[in-house]
Amino acid sequence: MTQDLAAYEIDESCAACPDESSNPKKTRFSRRKTGAFGDVYDPVAEELRDVELAPMIYGSFPIVPFFDNSDATLRVLRRMRELSPTHASCVGNIRDYVFGGELTVRRYVEPGMAFDMEQDTELGKPEKKVFTDFVRSLNPQLTFEQILGESIGIFENLKTYGNGFFRIDAVQVMGKWFFYFESVDAEKCRYLATERNEDKVIVISPEWTAIYIQSHPPEFVDVFPNWSDYGNGRMSTIIHIKNKVVGRDWYGLPDAFGSLYWQYLEVQQGQHGTEGYANDFIARVFFEITAEEDDDGDEDDFDSAVRRTFTNQASRYGEQPKRYIIRRRLPDDKPAFVHEFKANTEHQYHSVMAATAEREILKAHNWHSVLLGAPTPGRIGQNEEFKEVYKQKYNSVIRQWQERSLRPIIQGMQACEMILKGRLDITTQYSFGLFNLYAEYLKSEADAMGDNKPPIPTDQNDDGTDV
C-alpha cells in the first residue's frame, strides 16, 4: 500500500551561461539536480480508486463494479482481514463464539420472528431424526460438518466483504435429484448489469482481468428464487446475503468498514517495525583518514589494520561481522559530513495509537476485549465480568450472527424440498440451529436454581398424608 512520490526536478541550467564544454569535469559528469517536490496521497483512498484496472474489465464487460467503478476495495478488505491484528482477532473470535458449539436441530422459526432458543425450539430425538434423514437424502456424500463449514464460509465473507454468496447446484440422475452446496468467495462474484425490472444474475470468475476473461469466460447464475436451467437435469441458483448499506443497491459493506483507517494504522505499525529494521543503516563505525594522492598503499594497510583490531572473531567466518566505513580524505578535501535520520521510537506515542486503533476496531465490531481473552486492568472478578459481557454480546452480536449465517442454509434446504416434492413440509417444521458454548450463562437466576428449588408445600393430615 505504498505510494511513490511524484518528483519534479528543478532545472538549474542557465541559457545565458558561457559554454563550459572545454572543462573536462563538465564534459564528463552531468550536473546534478538539487531539489525535488513530492505529492503524498491518502494511501487507503489510492487503493480504493483502482482507476487504471477498472476500464480494462468493465469497459468491455457489462458487470457492476463492487465500489465506485473499481474492485480495489475487495482486495483492501481482504488485506485488512489478513494483516490487521485486532480486526483479524475480532472476526476469528466472534466466529468461534458463533460456531464453537456446532450444529443442532431445532424447530423452524420464520425469519424476523422472535423466539426463545431453549424453550420454543426444543425437539425430541424422533423429530430430530426426521430432519437429519431428510438432509442425508439430498446427497449421500453431504455431511453435517460440510454444512457447518459452508455456514462458516458465509460468516467469513460477510465479516470480510459485507457480502455472502451461497450456491446450490441440483443434478438429476436417472430420475433422482442430488444437491450440492457451496459458499462462493465474494471476490469471485459480480452482478450482471441488468435493468431495474429484469431478473438479477451473478457472474462468477476466479479472476477479473481482461486477459483472463478473454480466455476463460465467466459463469452466469440466476439469483434465488430463480434458477439457471442448463438442460440435461442441471440447475443452479445463488442466495446473496449482504450487510445492507444506504445508497448501495447491489453490494453491501462489512459492519467494521467504519474502522478501515484504524485497521490500516495497525498494518502501518507492523510495516514501520519491519521496514525500520530493514532500512536501518547497518554500518556502526566511520573512520576518516588523511592521505596524499600517491599513498594508496597506506589506505589498504589501514583497512587491514581496522579489520584485525576492531572486528570480532565471528567476522572471519561470516557470522554477524561488525560493520564499518572508511573514507580516505585528501588534504584539500572538506571533512566528511554524516547526517542520520532517526526513526520515531517514542514508546508513548506508538502505545497510545495502538490502543486507540484497537478500541476503534472493537467498537466497529460491537465487540469487547474481555471476550478476546484480554483482562481489563484494575478489575477483579474477571469471571463474573466475562459472564456479564457474554450475556450482553450474545443478545446483541452472537445470536444475530448465528441466525444470519444459517438462514441461507435453511433457505437452501427449502429450495431443495420444493424441487423434490413441489411443496414445503419438513423444512417448515424443523431446521438447523447452533449450540451455544456458554449456554449456562444465559439462564436467569430462577432457571439456574432449577432442581434446587424447595418443593411446593401441600396440605397434609397429621399423619403426613396428603389431604
Protein backbone atom coordinates (compact mmCIF):
# COMPACT_ATOMS: atom_id res chain seq x y z
CA MET A 1 0.00 0.00 0.00
CA THR A 2 2.88 2.37 -0.58
CA GLN A 3 2.53 5.41 -2.77
CA ASP A 4 5.54 6.60 -4.74
CA LEU A 5 6.29 10.28 -4.64
CA ALA A 6 5.85 12.14 -7.89
CA ALA A 7 9.12 14.07 -8.12
CA TYR A 8 9.51 17.30 -10.06
CA GLU A 9 13.14 18.14 -10.79
CA ILE A 10 14.39 21.72 -10.72
CA ASP A 11 16.46 22.60 -13.78
CA GLU A 12 19.23 24.92 -12.67
CA SER A 13 20.78 25.23 -16.13
CA CYS A 14 21.16 28.77 -17.43
CA ALA A 15 20.90 29.62 -21.12
CA ALA A 16 22.98 32.79 -20.60
CA CYS A 17 25.91 30.91 -19.06
CA PRO A 18 29.11 30.62 -21.13
CA ASP A 19 29.95 27.40 -22.91
CA GLU A 20 31.81 25.16 -20.48
CA SER A 21 32.26 22.19 -22.78
CA SER A 22 36.01 22.67 -22.65
CA ASN A 23 36.03 21.89 -18.96
CA PRO A 24 36.71 18.14 -18.65
CA LYS A 25 34.74 17.89 -15.43
CA LYS A 26 31.67 19.45 -17.03
CA THR A 27 32.05 17.27 -20.09
CA ARG A 28 32.45 14.01 -18.19
CA PHE A 29 29.86 14.49 -15.48
CA SER A 30 26.32 15.83 -15.85
CA ARG A 31 25.22 18.46 -13.40
CA ARG A 32 23.10 17.02 -10.59
CA LYS A 33 19.66 18.31 -9.73
CA THR A 34 19.46 19.92 -6.32
CA GLY A 35 15.84 19.57 -5.26
CA ALA A 36 12.51 17.82 -5.69
CA PHE A 37 8.88 18.30 -4.70
CA GLY A 38 6.60 15.39 -3.87
CA ASP A 39 2.86 14.89 -3.54
CA VAL A 40 1.73 12.47 -0.83
CA TYR A 41 -1.68 10.87 -1.37
CA ASP A 42 -4.01 9.15 1.06
CA PRO A 43 -2.81 5.51 0.74
CA VAL A 44 -6.18 3.94 1.52
CA ALA A 45 -8.01 6.22 -0.91
CA GLU A 46 -5.45 5.40 -3.60
CA GLU A 47 -6.00 1.69 -3.05
CA LEU A 48 -9.77 2.12 -3.35
CA ARG A 49 -9.60 4.07 -6.60
CA ASP A 50 -8.04 1.44 -8.85
CA VAL A 51 -8.70 3.76 -11.81
CA GLU A 52 -6.42 2.05 -14.31
CA LEU A 53 -7.65 -1.51 -13.76
CA ALA A 54 -11.38 -0.74 -13.83
CA PRO A 55 -11.71 0.23 -17.53
CA MET A 56 -9.77 -2.88 -18.54
CA ILE A 57 -12.55 -5.09 -17.16
CA TYR A 58 -15.74 -3.09 -17.14
CA GLY A 59 -15.20 -1.28 -20.40
CA SER A 60 -15.84 -4.47 -22.35
CA PHE A 61 -17.94 -6.49 -19.89
CA PRO A 62 -21.36 -5.43 -18.56
CA ILE A 63 -20.96 -6.14 -14.85
CA VAL A 64 -21.49 -3.92 -11.83
CA PRO A 65 -18.21 -3.00 -10.06
CA PHE A 66 -18.07 -3.53 -6.34
CA PHE A 67 -17.18 0.01 -5.29
CA ASP A 68 -17.04 3.30 -7.18
CA ASN A 69 -16.06 1.97 -10.60
CA SER A 70 -13.41 -0.41 -9.29
CA ASP A 71 -12.79 -3.60 -7.35
CA ALA A 72 -9.77 -2.44 -5.36
CA THR A 73 -11.90 -2.23 -2.21
CA LEU A 74 -12.28 -6.02 -2.13
CA ARG A 75 -8.51 -6.50 -2.12
CA VAL A 76 -8.09 -3.87 0.59
CA LEU A 77 -10.75 -5.56 2.75
CA ARG A 78 -9.03 -8.93 2.34
CA ARG A 79 -5.63 -7.46 3.25
CA MET A 80 -7.05 -5.84 6.37
CA ARG A 81 -8.63 -9.17 7.37
CA GLU A 82 -5.22 -10.81 6.97
CA LEU A 83 -2.89 -8.15 8.40
CA SER A 84 -4.75 -6.07 11.00
CA PRO A 85 -4.25 -7.93 14.30
CA THR A 86 -7.31 -6.57 16.12
CA HIS A 87 -9.61 -6.87 13.10
CA ALA A 88 -8.48 -10.45 12.43
CA SER A 89 -8.86 -11.33 16.12
CA CYS A 90 -12.39 -9.91 16.27
CA VAL A 91 -13.51 -11.83 13.19
CA GLY A 92 -11.93 -15.07 14.39
CA ASN A 93 -13.11 -14.65 17.97
CA ILE A 94 -16.73 -13.89 17.06
CA ARG A 95 -16.67 -16.85 14.67
CA ASP A 96 -15.55 -19.16 17.49
CA TYR A 97 -18.37 -17.99 19.77
CA VAL A 98 -20.93 -18.29 16.97
CA PHE A 99 -19.96 -21.74 15.66
CA GLY A 100 -17.96 -23.29 18.52
CA GLY A 101 -20.94 -25.29 19.77
CA GLU A 102 -21.57 -26.73 16.28
CA LEU A 103 -24.90 -27.62 14.67
CA THR A 104 -28.12 -28.69 16.35
CA VAL A 105 -31.63 -29.41 15.04
CA ARG A 106 -34.40 -27.11 16.25
CA ARG A 107 -37.97 -26.20 15.45
CA TYR A 108 -38.35 -23.96 12.40
CA VAL A 109 -38.86 -20.26 13.07
CA GLU A 110 -39.96 -17.75 10.45
CA PRO A 111 -37.32 -15.10 9.64
CA GLY A 112 -37.82 -11.99 11.73
CA MET A 113 -39.91 -13.74 14.39
CA ALA A 114 -38.77 -13.59 18.00
CA PHE A 115 -38.32 -16.87 19.83
CA ASP A 116 -36.65 -18.33 22.88
CA MET A 117 -33.73 -20.51 21.83
CA GLU A 118 -34.16 -23.05 24.61
CA GLN A 119 -37.93 -23.33 25.05
CA ASP A 120 -39.59 -22.56 21.70
CA THR A 121 -37.23 -24.63 19.56
CA GLU A 122 -36.51 -27.72 21.65
CA LEU A 123 -37.09 -31.03 19.83
CA GLY A 124 -37.11 -34.69 20.79
CA LYS A 125 -34.94 -37.37 19.21
CA PRO A 126 -37.65 -38.69 16.82
CA GLU A 127 -38.24 -35.18 15.45
CA LYS A 128 -34.52 -34.56 15.03
CA LYS A 129 -34.17 -37.84 13.15
CA VAL A 130 -36.86 -36.83 10.66
CA PHE A 131 -34.91 -33.73 9.70
CA THR A 132 -31.45 -35.35 9.67
CA ASP A 133 -32.77 -38.16 7.43
CA PHE A 134 -34.15 -35.55 5.05
CA VAL A 135 -30.78 -33.75 4.90
CA ARG A 136 -28.93 -37.01 4.19
CA SER A 137 -31.38 -37.80 1.39
CA LEU A 138 -30.30 -34.68 -0.52
CA ASN A 139 -26.88 -36.15 -1.24
CA PRO A 140 -25.32 -39.32 0.23
CA GLN A 141 -21.95 -37.56 0.36
CA LEU A 142 -23.27 -34.49 2.20
CA THR A 143 -22.11 -34.31 5.83
CA PHE A 144 -23.15 -32.04 8.68
CA GLU A 145 -19.51 -31.00 9.02
CA GLN A 146 -19.65 -29.73 5.43
CA ILE A 147 -22.85 -27.81 6.14
CA LEU A 148 -21.22 -26.21 9.17
CA GLY A 149 -18.19 -25.31 7.04
CA GLU A 150 -20.35 -23.62 4.41
CA SER A 151 -22.12 -21.64 7.12
CA ILE A 152 -18.75 -20.50 8.46
CA GLY A 153 -17.79 -19.51 4.91
CA ILE A 154 -20.89 -17.30 4.71
CA PHE A 155 -19.95 -15.67 8.02
CA GLU A 156 -16.33 -15.07 6.95
CA ASN A 157 -17.41 -13.45 3.68
CA LEU A 158 -19.95 -11.23 5.41
CA LYS A 159 -17.40 -10.14 8.00
CA THR A 160 -14.63 -9.57 5.46
CA TYR A 161 -16.51 -8.19 2.44
CA GLY A 162 -20.03 -7.48 3.71
CA ASN A 163 -21.41 -9.98 1.14
CA GLY A 164 -22.01 -13.73 1.18
CA PHE A 165 -22.93 -15.92 -1.80
CA PHE A 166 -24.40 -19.38 -1.16
CA ARG A 167 -24.66 -21.54 -4.27
CA ILE A 168 -26.97 -24.55 -4.76
CA ASP A 169 -26.47 -26.97 -7.64
CA ALA A 170 -29.19 -29.54 -8.46
CA VAL A 171 -28.39 -32.54 -10.67
CA GLN A 172 -30.90 -35.17 -11.77
CA VAL A 173 -29.54 -38.66 -12.44
CA MET A 174 -31.93 -41.39 -13.54
CA GLY A 175 -34.90 -39.51 -12.13
CA LYS A 176 -33.28 -38.86 -8.72
CA TRP A 177 -32.15 -35.39 -7.61
CA PHE A 178 -28.79 -34.73 -5.94
CA PHE A 179 -27.94 -31.35 -4.38
CA TYR A 180 -24.58 -29.68 -3.83
CA PHE A 181 -23.85 -26.60 -1.67
CA GLU A 182 -21.01 -24.10 -1.77
CA SER A 183 -20.18 -20.77 -0.14
CA VAL A 184 -18.59 -18.82 -3.00
CA ASP A 185 -15.86 -16.28 -2.24
CA ALA A 186 -17.24 -12.75 -2.64
CA GLU A 187 -14.20 -11.68 -4.69
CA LYS A 188 -15.30 -14.08 -7.43
CA CYS A 189 -18.86 -12.74 -7.71
CA ARG A 190 -20.22 -9.70 -9.53
CA TYR A 191 -23.71 -8.70 -10.62
CA LEU A 192 -24.58 -8.57 -14.29
CA ALA A 193 -25.60 -5.01 -15.17
CA THR A 194 -29.31 -5.64 -15.72
CA GLU A 195 -32.19 -3.19 -15.85
CA ARG A 196 -34.35 -2.43 -12.82
CA ASN A 197 -37.22 -4.75 -13.79
CA GLU A 198 -35.03 -7.62 -15.02
CA ASP A 199 -34.06 -10.70 -13.02
CA LYS A 200 -30.72 -10.42 -11.26
CA VAL A 201 -27.82 -12.58 -12.38
CA ILE A 202 -24.50 -13.30 -10.63
CA VAL A 203 -21.37 -13.61 -12.77
CA ILE A 204 -18.63 -15.86 -11.32
CA SER A 205 -14.94 -15.82 -12.28
CA PRO A 206 -11.76 -16.68 -10.32
CA GLU A 207 -10.09 -13.55 -11.76
CA TRP A 208 -11.45 -10.28 -13.09
CA THR A 209 -8.76 -9.23 -15.55
CA ALA A 210 -9.40 -8.65 -19.22
CA ILE A 211 -6.79 -11.23 -20.26
CA TYR A 212 -8.27 -13.96 -18.06
CA ILE A 213 -11.87 -13.24 -19.08
CA GLN A 214 -10.98 -13.46 -22.78
CA SER A 215 -9.58 -16.98 -22.41
CA HIS A 216 -11.86 -18.20 -19.60
CA PRO A 217 -15.44 -16.93 -19.96
CA PRO A 218 -17.23 -16.43 -16.61
CA GLU A 219 -20.27 -18.36 -15.44
CA PHE A 220 -23.75 -16.81 -15.21
CA VAL A 221 -26.06 -17.97 -12.39
CA ASP A 222 -29.54 -16.68 -11.58
CA VAL A 223 -30.19 -15.20 -8.15
CA PHE A 224 -32.61 -17.08 -5.87
CA PRO A 225 -35.58 -17.71 -6.13
CA ASN A 226 -34.82 -18.00 -9.88
CA TRP A 227 -32.86 -20.99 -11.17
CA SER A 228 -30.48 -21.26 -14.12
CA ASP A 229 -31.55 -24.31 -16.13
CA TYR A 230 -28.63 -25.71 -18.16
CA GLY A 231 -30.62 -28.64 -19.53
CA ASN A 232 -29.87 -32.35 -19.04
CA GLY A 233 -31.19 -32.15 -15.47
CA ARG A 234 -28.73 -29.50 -14.24
CA MET A 235 -29.82 -26.33 -12.42
CA SER A 236 -28.10 -23.72 -10.23
CA THR A 237 -29.03 -20.73 -8.11
CA ILE A 238 -27.27 -18.35 -5.72
CA ILE A 239 -28.55 -16.84 -2.50
CA HIS A 240 -26.97 -13.43 -1.87
CA ILE A 241 -26.70 -12.19 1.72
CA LYS A 242 -25.33 -8.71 2.38
CA ASN A 243 -24.95 -6.04 5.01
CA LYS A 244 -27.38 -3.52 3.59
CA VAL A 245 -25.94 0.00 3.27
CA VAL A 246 -27.92 3.06 2.29
CA GLY A 247 -27.06 4.16 -1.24
CA ARG A 248 -25.65 0.79 -2.32
CA ASP A 249 -28.26 -1.19 -4.25
CA TRP A 250 -26.08 -4.08 -5.43
CA TYR A 251 -23.50 -4.91 -2.78
CA GLY A 252 -23.10 -4.49 0.96
CA LEU A 253 -20.15 -3.45 3.14
CA PRO A 254 -18.66 -5.20 6.19
CA ASP A 255 -20.00 -4.00 9.52
CA ALA A 256 -16.50 -2.92 10.61
CA PHE A 257 -15.90 -0.80 7.48
CA GLY A 258 -16.04 2.37 9.57
CA SER A 259 -12.75 1.37 11.23
CA LEU A 260 -10.89 0.82 7.94
CA TYR A 261 -8.34 3.57 8.62
CA TRP A 262 -7.64 2.21 12.09
CA GLN A 263 -7.17 -1.27 10.62
CA TYR A 264 -4.71 0.22 8.16
CA LEU A 265 -2.91 2.02 11.02
CA GLU A 266 -2.22 -1.34 12.64
CA VAL A 267 -0.83 -2.60 9.34
CA GLN A 268 1.35 0.52 9.08
CA GLN A 269 2.69 0.00 12.59
CA GLY A 270 3.74 -3.51 11.63
CA GLN A 271 5.33 -2.18 8.45
CA HIS A 272 7.08 0.55 10.43
CA GLY A 273 8.68 -2.04 12.68
CA THR A 274 9.83 -4.45 10.00
CA GLU A 275 10.83 -1.88 7.38
CA GLY A 276 12.52 0.22 10.04
CA TYR A 277 14.86 -2.67 10.77
CA ALA A 278 15.32 -3.48 7.10
CA ASN A 279 16.17 0.12 6.17
CA ASP A 280 18.38 0.76 9.17
CA PHE A 281 21.88 1.98 8.37
CA ILE A 282 23.89 -1.13 9.09
CA ALA A 283 27.35 0.47 9.39
CA ARG A 284 28.32 1.11 13.03
CA VAL A 285 31.73 2.78 12.72
CA PHE A 286 33.02 5.56 10.46
CA PHE A 287 36.79 6.13 10.01
CA GLU A 288 38.21 9.10 8.17
CA ILE A 289 41.94 9.24 7.38
CA THR A 290 44.03 11.85 5.63
CA ALA A 291 46.44 10.69 2.91
CA GLU A 292 48.29 12.06 -0.04
CA GLU A 293 47.23 11.23 -3.58
CA ASP A 294 50.08 8.77 -4.10
CA ASP A 295 49.63 6.93 -0.77
CA ASP A 296 47.14 4.30 -1.92
CA GLY A 297 49.07 1.58 -0.17
CA ASP A 298 48.67 3.28 3.20
CA GLU A 299 44.90 3.15 2.84
CA ASP A 300 44.94 -0.57 2.19
CA ASP A 301 47.20 -1.13 5.20
CA PHE A 302 44.87 0.92 7.41
CA ASP A 303 41.86 -1.03 6.17
CA SER A 304 43.50 -4.32 7.11
CA ALA A 305 44.57 -2.98 10.49
CA VAL A 306 40.99 -1.88 11.31
CA ARG A 307 39.63 -5.26 10.33
CA ARG A 308 42.14 -7.10 12.52
CA THR A 309 41.82 -4.77 15.52
CA PHE A 310 38.20 -3.68 15.75
CA THR A 311 36.17 -6.62 14.43
CA ASN A 312 35.35 -9.73 16.39
CA GLN A 313 36.28 -13.29 15.56
CA ALA A 314 32.84 -14.04 14.11
CA SER A 315 33.60 -11.75 11.20
CA ARG A 316 36.24 -14.19 9.99
CA TYR A 317 33.56 -16.79 9.44
CA GLY A 318 30.87 -14.51 8.03
CA GLU A 319 28.64 -14.62 11.12
CA GLN A 320 27.38 -11.19 12.19
CA PRO A 321 30.55 -9.24 11.38
CA LYS A 322 30.96 -5.70 12.69
CA ARG A 323 30.29 -3.05 10.05
CA TYR A 324 32.48 -0.05 9.38
CA ILE A 325 33.10 2.53 6.67
CA ILE A 326 36.48 4.02 5.72
CA ARG A 327 36.89 7.22 3.74
CA ARG A 328 40.27 8.46 2.51
CA ARG A 329 40.30 12.26 2.52
CA LEU A 330 42.87 14.21 0.55
CA PRO A 331 44.42 17.16 2.38
CA ASP A 332 42.42 19.71 0.36
CA ASP A 333 39.09 17.90 0.74
CA LYS A 334 36.46 19.07 3.21
CA PRO A 335 35.78 16.83 6.22
CA ALA A 336 33.05 14.23 5.78
CA PHE A 337 29.55 15.08 6.93
CA VAL A 338 27.26 12.30 8.06
CA HIS A 339 23.58 13.04 8.87
CA GLU A 340 21.33 10.46 10.47
CA PHE A 341 17.52 10.47 10.20
CA LYS A 342 16.44 8.79 13.39
CA ALA A 343 13.28 6.70 13.41
CA ASN A 344 10.36 7.70 15.61
CA THR A 345 10.82 5.33 18.53
CA GLU A 346 8.80 7.27 21.08
CA HIS A 347 7.18 4.49 23.06
CA GLN A 348 4.27 6.50 24.42
CA TYR A 349 3.13 7.71 21.00
CA HIS A 350 3.09 4.22 19.46
CA SER A 351 1.38 2.72 22.52
CA VAL A 352 -1.38 5.34 22.52
CA MET A 353 -2.03 4.97 18.79
CA ALA A 354 -2.09 1.17 19.03
CA ALA A 355 -4.54 1.30 21.95
CA THR A 356 -6.75 3.78 20.08
CA ALA A 357 -6.78 1.63 16.96
CA GLU A 358 -7.73 -1.45 18.98
CA ARG A 359 -10.53 0.42 20.73
CA GLU A 360 -11.98 1.82 17.50
CA ILE A 361 -11.89 -1.57 15.73
CA LEU A 362 -13.59 -3.25 18.70
CA LYS A 363 -16.23 -0.52 18.64
CA ALA A 364 -16.87 -1.09 14.92
CA HIS A 365 -17.37 -4.82 15.55
CA ASN A 366 -19.57 -4.12 18.62
CA TRP A 367 -17.26 -6.50 20.49
CA HIS A 368 -15.45 -6.49 23.85
CA SER A 369 -11.82 -7.08 24.77
CA VAL A 370 -12.87 -9.37 27.64
CA LEU A 371 -14.25 -11.88 25.13
CA LEU A 372 -10.95 -11.74 23.25
CA GLY A 373 -9.31 -13.05 26.41
CA ALA A 374 -7.67 -9.74 27.32
CA PRO A 375 -8.09 -8.96 31.04
CA THR A 376 -9.23 -5.47 31.99
CA PRO A 377 -6.54 -3.65 34.02
CA GLY A 378 -7.52 -2.85 37.58
CA ARG A 379 -10.51 -5.18 37.57
CA ILE A 380 -11.11 -8.11 39.88
CA GLY A 381 -13.59 -10.89 39.45
CA GLN A 382 -12.79 -11.43 35.78
CA ASN A 383 -15.03 -14.48 35.57
CA GLU A 384 -18.11 -12.50 36.66
CA GLU A 385 -17.24 -9.74 34.24
CA PHE A 386 -16.91 -12.31 31.45
CA LYS A 387 -20.37 -13.69 32.23
CA GLU A 388 -22.00 -10.29 32.12
CA VAL A 389 -20.23 -9.26 28.92
CA TYR A 390 -21.06 -12.59 27.29
CA LYS A 391 -24.76 -12.22 28.09
CA GLN A 392 -24.81 -8.77 26.56
CA LYS A 393 -22.86 -9.69 23.42
CA TYR A 394 -24.80 -12.91 22.95
CA ASN A 395 -28.03 -10.96 22.61
CA SER A 396 -26.59 -8.13 20.52
CA VAL A 397 -23.96 -9.92 18.38
CA ILE A 398 -23.61 -13.71 18.67
CA ARG A 399 -27.25 -14.69 18.29
CA GLN A 400 -27.75 -12.38 15.30
CA TRP A 401 -24.73 -13.83 13.53
CA GLN A 402 -25.92 -17.36 14.20
CA GLU A 403 -29.22 -16.60 12.52
CA ARG A 404 -27.69 -14.70 9.60
CA SER A 405 -25.10 -17.39 8.87
CA LEU A 406 -27.65 -20.23 9.00
CA ARG A 407 -30.50 -18.51 7.16
CA PRO A 408 -29.07 -19.19 3.64
CA ILE A 409 -28.56 -22.85 4.59
CA ILE A 410 -32.19 -23.10 5.72
CA GLN A 411 -33.37 -21.34 2.55
CA GLY A 412 -31.31 -23.79 0.52
CA MET A 413 -32.92 -26.77 2.24
CA GLN A 414 -36.36 -25.35 1.50
CA ALA A 415 -35.43 -24.83 -2.16
CA CYS A 416 -34.30 -28.46 -2.37
CA GLU A 417 -37.54 -29.76 -0.82
CA MET A 418 -39.54 -27.65 -3.24
CA ILE A 419 -37.80 -29.36 -6.18
CA LEU A 420 -38.21 -32.80 -4.63
CA LYS A 421 -41.84 -32.59 -3.52
CA GLY A 422 -43.23 -29.48 -5.17
CA ARG A 423 -44.21 -28.17 -1.73
CA LEU A 424 -42.70 -27.40 1.67
CA ASP A 425 -43.24 -29.79 4.56
CA ILE A 426 -40.27 -30.91 6.67
CA THR A 427 -38.32 -27.65 6.22
CA THR A 428 -41.21 -25.61 7.63
CA GLN A 429 -41.24 -27.73 10.78
CA TYR A 430 -37.55 -28.23 11.54
CA SER A 431 -34.28 -26.50 10.71
CA PHE A 432 -30.67 -26.14 11.84
CA GLY A 433 -29.54 -24.25 14.90
CA LEU A 434 -26.22 -23.60 16.63
CA PHE A 435 -25.43 -24.71 20.16
CA ASN A 436 -24.07 -22.01 22.48
CA LEU A 437 -20.74 -22.61 24.22
CA TYR A 438 -21.80 -20.86 27.42
CA ALA A 439 -25.49 -21.68 27.47
CA GLU A 440 -25.49 -21.85 31.29
CA TYR A 441 -24.57 -18.16 31.45
CA LEU A 442 -27.76 -17.27 29.58
CA LYS A 443 -30.12 -18.76 32.14
CA SER A 444 -31.89 -16.49 34.59
CA GLU A 445 -31.31 -16.91 38.30
CA ALA A 446 -34.65 -18.72 38.62
CA ASP A 447 -33.69 -21.12 35.83
CA ALA A 448 -30.24 -21.59 37.33
CA MET A 449 -31.77 -22.73 40.63
CA GLY A 450 -33.65 -25.43 38.70
CA ASP A 451 -33.79 -28.59 40.72
CA ASN A 452 -32.51 -26.80 43.81
CA LYS A 453 -35.84 -25.04 44.31
CA PRO A 454 -37.68 -26.15 47.50
CA PRO A 455 -40.74 -28.35 46.88
CA ILE A 456 -44.09 -26.66 46.73
CA PRO A 457 -45.87 -27.27 50.12
CA THR A 458 -49.17 -29.16 50.16
CA ASP A 459 -51.92 -29.50 52.68
CA GLN A 460 -51.29 -32.63 54.80
CA ASN A 461 -53.04 -34.58 57.52
CA ASP A 462 -51.46 -35.03 60.91
CA ASP A 463 -50.03 -38.39 59.85
CA GLY A 464 -48.20 -36.78 56.95
CA THR A 465 -50.52 -37.96 54.17
CA ASP A 466 -51.86 -35.51 51.60
CA VAL A 467 -55.36 -34.21 52.09
